Amino acid sequence: MGFFGTYAFENDQWITLPEAERPPLVEPFLWINILNSDLTEVVYAPPGPGTGVAYLGQTPWLVEIKTAQFLMALGLPLPAELSR
């Protein structure tokens, strides 16, 4: 069984959400949904223009590793479950 996790980065902190829940969030925010270690859906709404959706996955590495690398590249802290 793979890793599942849904998180929102809002107001400079991570919030762990129920699986696949996407509540209304205040911009700027970053929302990630990790599905069975296969795919991560990323919704990003920075201040100003640039809002978008990206999908990480379909790689030989577990997607939670790719997600952690993506968040670190953005200079964001990791949700506790991903920093293990």
N, C-alpha and C. Protein backbone atom coordinates (compact mmCIF):
# COMPACT_ATOMS: atom_id res chain seq x y z
N MET A 1 0.85 -1.18 0.00
CA MET A 1 0.00 0.00 0.00
C MET A 1 0.89 1.23 0.00
N GLY A 2 0.53 2.21 -0.80
CA GLY A 2 1.31 3.42 -0.94
C GLY A 2 0.94 4.49 0.07
N PHE A 3 1.53 5.65 -0.12
CA PHE A 3 1.34 6.79 0.75
C PHE A 3 0.19 7.64 0.23
N PHE A 4 -0.68 8.07 1.12
CA PHE A 4 -1.76 9.00 0.79
C PHE A 4 -1.65 10.19 1.74
N GLY A 5 -1.86 11.39 1.25
CA GLY A 5 -1.85 12.56 2.12
C GLY A 5 -2.35 13.78 1.37
N THR A 6 -3.09 14.63 2.07
CA THR A 6 -3.60 15.87 1.50
C THR A 6 -3.23 17.00 2.46
N TYR A 7 -2.61 18.05 1.90
CA TYR A 7 -2.08 19.13 2.73
C TYR A 7 -2.34 20.47 2.05
N ALA A 8 -2.44 21.50 2.87
CA ALA A 8 -2.52 22.87 2.37
C ALA A 8 -1.48 23.70 3.12
N PHE A 9 -0.74 24.53 2.38
CA PHE A 9 0.19 25.48 2.99
C PHE A 9 -0.45 26.84 2.85
N GLU A 10 -0.87 27.37 3.99
CA GLU A 10 -1.61 28.62 4.02
C GLU A 10 -1.20 29.37 5.27
N ASN A 11 -1.02 30.67 5.16
CA ASN A 11 -0.61 31.49 6.32
C ASN A 11 0.68 30.96 6.94
N ASP A 12 1.63 30.57 6.08
CA ASP A 12 2.96 30.10 6.50
C ASP A 12 2.95 28.85 7.36
N GLN A 13 1.94 27.99 7.21
CA GLN A 13 1.93 26.73 7.94
C GLN A 13 1.19 25.65 7.15
N TRP A 14 1.56 24.39 7.41
CA TRP A 14 0.91 23.26 6.78
C TRP A 14 -0.31 22.84 7.58
N ILE A 15 -1.37 22.50 6.87
CA ILE A 15 -2.58 21.96 7.46
C ILE A 15 -2.79 20.58 6.84
N THR A 16 -2.96 19.56 7.66
CA THR A 16 -3.27 18.22 7.15
C THR A 16 -4.78 18.14 6.99
N LEU A 17 -5.21 17.72 5.80
CA LEU A 17 -6.64 17.67 5.47
C LEU A 17 -7.09 16.23 5.29
N PRO A 18 -8.41 16.00 5.40
CA PRO A 18 -8.92 14.67 5.04
C PRO A 18 -8.58 14.38 3.57
N GLU A 19 -8.43 13.11 3.24
CA GLU A 19 -7.99 12.72 1.91
C GLU A 19 -8.79 13.40 0.80
N ALA A 20 -8.06 14.05 -0.10
CA ALA A 20 -8.57 14.72 -1.31
C ALA A 20 -9.47 15.92 -1.02
N GLU A 21 -9.58 16.37 0.23
CA GLU A 21 -10.41 17.54 0.52
C GLU A 21 -9.71 18.80 0.01
N ARG A 22 -10.45 19.65 -0.70
CA ARG A 22 -9.92 20.93 -1.16
C ARG A 22 -10.86 22.03 -0.70
N PRO A 23 -10.69 22.50 0.54
CA PRO A 23 -11.56 23.56 1.04
C PRO A 23 -11.20 24.89 0.40
N PRO A 24 -12.06 25.89 0.55
CA PRO A 24 -11.68 27.23 0.08
C PRO A 24 -10.45 27.70 0.87
N LEU A 25 -9.44 28.15 0.18
CA LEU A 25 -8.21 28.61 0.83
C LEU A 25 -7.96 30.06 0.46
N VAL A 26 -7.29 30.78 1.35
CA VAL A 26 -6.98 32.19 1.13
C VAL A 26 -5.65 32.28 0.40
N GLU A 27 -5.63 33.00 -0.72
CA GLU A 27 -4.39 33.18 -1.48
C GLU A 27 -3.43 34.04 -0.68
N PRO A 28 -2.14 33.78 -0.73
CA PRO A 28 -1.49 32.72 -1.48
C PRO A 28 -1.59 31.38 -0.74
N PHE A 29 -1.65 30.30 -1.51
CA PHE A 29 -1.68 28.96 -0.90
C PHE A 29 -1.07 27.95 -1.86
N LEU A 30 -0.77 26.79 -1.28
CA LEU A 30 -0.30 25.63 -2.03
C LEU A 30 -1.07 24.44 -1.47
N TRP A 31 -1.70 23.67 -2.33
CA TRP A 31 -2.48 22.49 -1.93
C TRP A 31 -1.89 21.30 -2.63
N ILE A 32 -1.60 20.22 -1.88
CA ILE A 32 -1.07 18.99 -2.50
C ILE A 32 -1.89 17.79 -2.05
N ASN A 33 -2.08 16.87 -2.98
CA ASN A 33 -2.82 15.64 -2.72
C ASN A 33 -2.00 14.49 -3.29
N ILE A 34 -1.45 13.66 -2.39
CA ILE A 34 -0.62 12.53 -2.80
C ILE A 34 -1.49 11.28 -2.84
N LEU A 35 -1.49 10.59 -3.98
CA LEU A 35 -2.37 9.46 -4.22
C LEU A 35 -1.58 8.17 -4.38
N ASN A 36 -1.57 7.35 -3.36
CA ASN A 36 -1.02 6.00 -3.42
C ASN A 36 0.42 5.95 -3.92
N SER A 37 1.21 6.96 -3.57
CA SER A 37 2.62 7.04 -3.98
C SER A 37 2.81 7.09 -5.49
N ASP A 38 1.75 7.26 -6.25
CA ASP A 38 1.85 7.27 -7.71
C ASP A 38 1.76 8.66 -8.32
N LEU A 39 0.97 9.53 -7.72
CA LEU A 39 0.68 10.82 -8.33
C LEU A 39 0.44 11.85 -7.25
N THR A 40 0.96 13.07 -7.47
CA THR A 40 0.65 14.20 -6.60
C THR A 40 0.01 15.27 -7.45
N GLU A 41 -1.13 15.74 -7.02
CA GLU A 41 -1.81 16.89 -7.63
C GLU A 41 -1.39 18.11 -6.83
N VAL A 42 -0.91 19.15 -7.52
CA VAL A 42 -0.44 20.37 -6.89
C VAL A 42 -1.28 21.53 -7.42
N VAL A 43 -1.89 22.30 -6.52
CA VAL A 43 -2.62 23.51 -6.90
C VAL A 43 -1.91 24.66 -6.19
N TYR A 44 -1.44 25.61 -6.99
CA TYR A 44 -0.65 26.72 -6.46
C TYR A 44 -1.32 28.03 -6.80
N ALA A 45 -1.48 28.89 -5.80
CA ALA A 45 -2.05 30.21 -6.01
C ALA A 45 -1.15 31.22 -5.31
N PRO A 46 -0.14 31.73 -6.03
CA PRO A 46 0.77 32.70 -5.43
C PRO A 46 0.10 34.07 -5.35
N PRO A 47 0.72 35.01 -4.64
CA PRO A 47 0.20 36.37 -4.71
C PRO A 47 0.35 36.88 -6.15
N GLY A 48 -0.67 37.47 -6.69
CA GLY A 48 -0.60 37.95 -8.06
C GLY A 48 -0.84 36.84 -9.06
N PRO A 49 -0.40 37.01 -10.32
CA PRO A 49 -0.64 36.00 -11.36
C PRO A 49 0.21 34.75 -11.16
N GLY A 50 -0.20 33.67 -11.79
CA GLY A 50 0.59 32.45 -11.77
C GLY A 50 -0.11 31.24 -11.20
N THR A 51 -1.38 31.36 -10.89
CA THR A 51 -2.13 30.23 -10.34
C THR A 51 -2.16 29.10 -11.35
N GLY A 52 -2.03 27.87 -10.85
CA GLY A 52 -2.07 26.75 -11.76
C GLY A 52 -2.13 25.42 -11.05
N VAL A 53 -2.23 24.37 -11.86
CA VAL A 53 -2.28 22.99 -11.38
C VAL A 53 -1.17 22.22 -12.07
N ALA A 54 -0.48 21.37 -11.30
CA ALA A 54 0.56 20.51 -11.86
C ALA A 54 0.37 19.12 -11.29
N TYR A 55 0.88 18.15 -12.01
CA TYR A 55 0.82 16.76 -11.57
C TYR A 55 2.23 16.20 -11.56
N LEU A 56 2.62 15.62 -10.42
CA LEU A 56 3.93 15.00 -10.28
C LEU A 56 3.71 13.50 -10.18
N GLY A 57 4.48 12.75 -10.91
CA GLY A 57 4.34 11.30 -10.80
C GLY A 57 4.84 10.58 -12.02
N GLN A 58 4.50 9.29 -12.08
CA GLN A 58 4.90 8.43 -13.17
C GLN A 58 6.41 8.38 -13.31
N THR A 59 7.10 8.25 -12.18
CA THR A 59 8.55 8.16 -12.16
C THR A 59 8.95 6.89 -11.43
N PRO A 60 10.20 6.47 -11.56
CA PRO A 60 10.61 5.27 -10.82
C PRO A 60 10.72 5.50 -9.31
N TRP A 61 10.74 6.76 -8.86
CA TRP A 61 10.80 7.04 -7.43
C TRP A 61 9.41 7.18 -6.87
N LEU A 62 9.27 6.95 -5.60
CA LEU A 62 7.98 7.17 -4.96
C LEU A 62 7.64 8.65 -5.05
N VAL A 63 6.41 8.94 -5.35
CA VAL A 63 6.01 10.31 -5.61
C VAL A 63 6.15 11.19 -4.36
N GLU A 64 6.07 10.62 -3.16
CA GLU A 64 6.25 11.47 -1.98
C GLU A 64 7.67 12.03 -1.91
N ILE A 65 8.66 11.30 -2.46
CA ILE A 65 10.02 11.81 -2.51
C ILE A 65 10.08 12.98 -3.50
N LYS A 66 9.47 12.82 -4.66
CA LYS A 66 9.43 13.90 -5.65
C LYS A 66 8.69 15.11 -5.10
N THR A 67 7.61 14.88 -4.37
CA THR A 67 6.85 15.98 -3.79
C THR A 67 7.70 16.73 -2.78
N ALA A 68 8.42 16.00 -1.92
CA ALA A 68 9.29 16.64 -0.93
C ALA A 68 10.37 17.47 -1.64
N GLN A 69 10.96 16.93 -2.71
CA GLN A 69 11.97 17.67 -3.46
C GLN A 69 11.39 18.93 -4.08
N PHE A 70 10.17 18.84 -4.60
CA PHE A 70 9.49 20.00 -5.20
C PHE A 70 9.27 21.08 -4.16
N LEU A 71 8.77 20.71 -2.98
CA LEU A 71 8.50 21.69 -1.93
C LEU A 71 9.80 22.32 -1.42
N MET A 72 10.86 21.51 -1.28
CA MET A 72 12.15 22.05 -0.85
C MET A 72 12.70 23.03 -1.89
N ALA A 73 12.49 22.74 -3.18
CA ALA A 73 12.95 23.64 -4.24
C ALA A 73 12.22 24.98 -4.17
N LEU A 74 10.98 24.96 -3.70
CA LEU A 74 10.23 26.20 -3.52
C LEU A 74 10.63 26.92 -2.23
N GLY A 75 11.47 26.28 -1.41
CA GLY A 75 11.89 26.88 -0.16
C GLY A 75 10.87 26.76 0.94
N LEU A 76 9.94 25.81 0.81
CA LEU A 76 8.89 25.63 1.81
C LEU A 76 9.25 24.50 2.77
N PRO A 77 8.79 24.61 4.01
CA PRO A 77 8.97 23.49 4.92
C PRO A 77 8.10 22.32 4.47
N LEU A 78 8.43 21.11 4.93
CA LEU A 78 7.66 19.93 4.55
C LEU A 78 6.58 19.64 5.59
N PRO A 79 5.43 19.09 5.16
CA PRO A 79 4.48 18.57 6.12
C PRO A 79 5.19 17.48 6.94
N ALA A 80 4.82 17.34 8.18
CA ALA A 80 5.51 16.42 9.08
C ALA A 80 5.61 15.01 8.50
N GLU A 81 4.55 14.53 7.86
CA GLU A 81 4.53 13.16 7.33
C GLU A 81 5.54 12.97 6.20
N LEU A 82 5.89 14.04 5.48
CA LEU A 82 6.83 13.93 4.37
C LEU A 82 8.28 14.12 4.81
N SER A 83 8.50 14.62 6.02
CA SER A 83 9.86 14.87 6.46
C SER A 83 10.49 13.69 7.17
N ARG A 84 9.81 12.55 7.18
CA ARG A 84 10.33 11.34 7.83
C ARG A 84 11.30 10.63 6.93
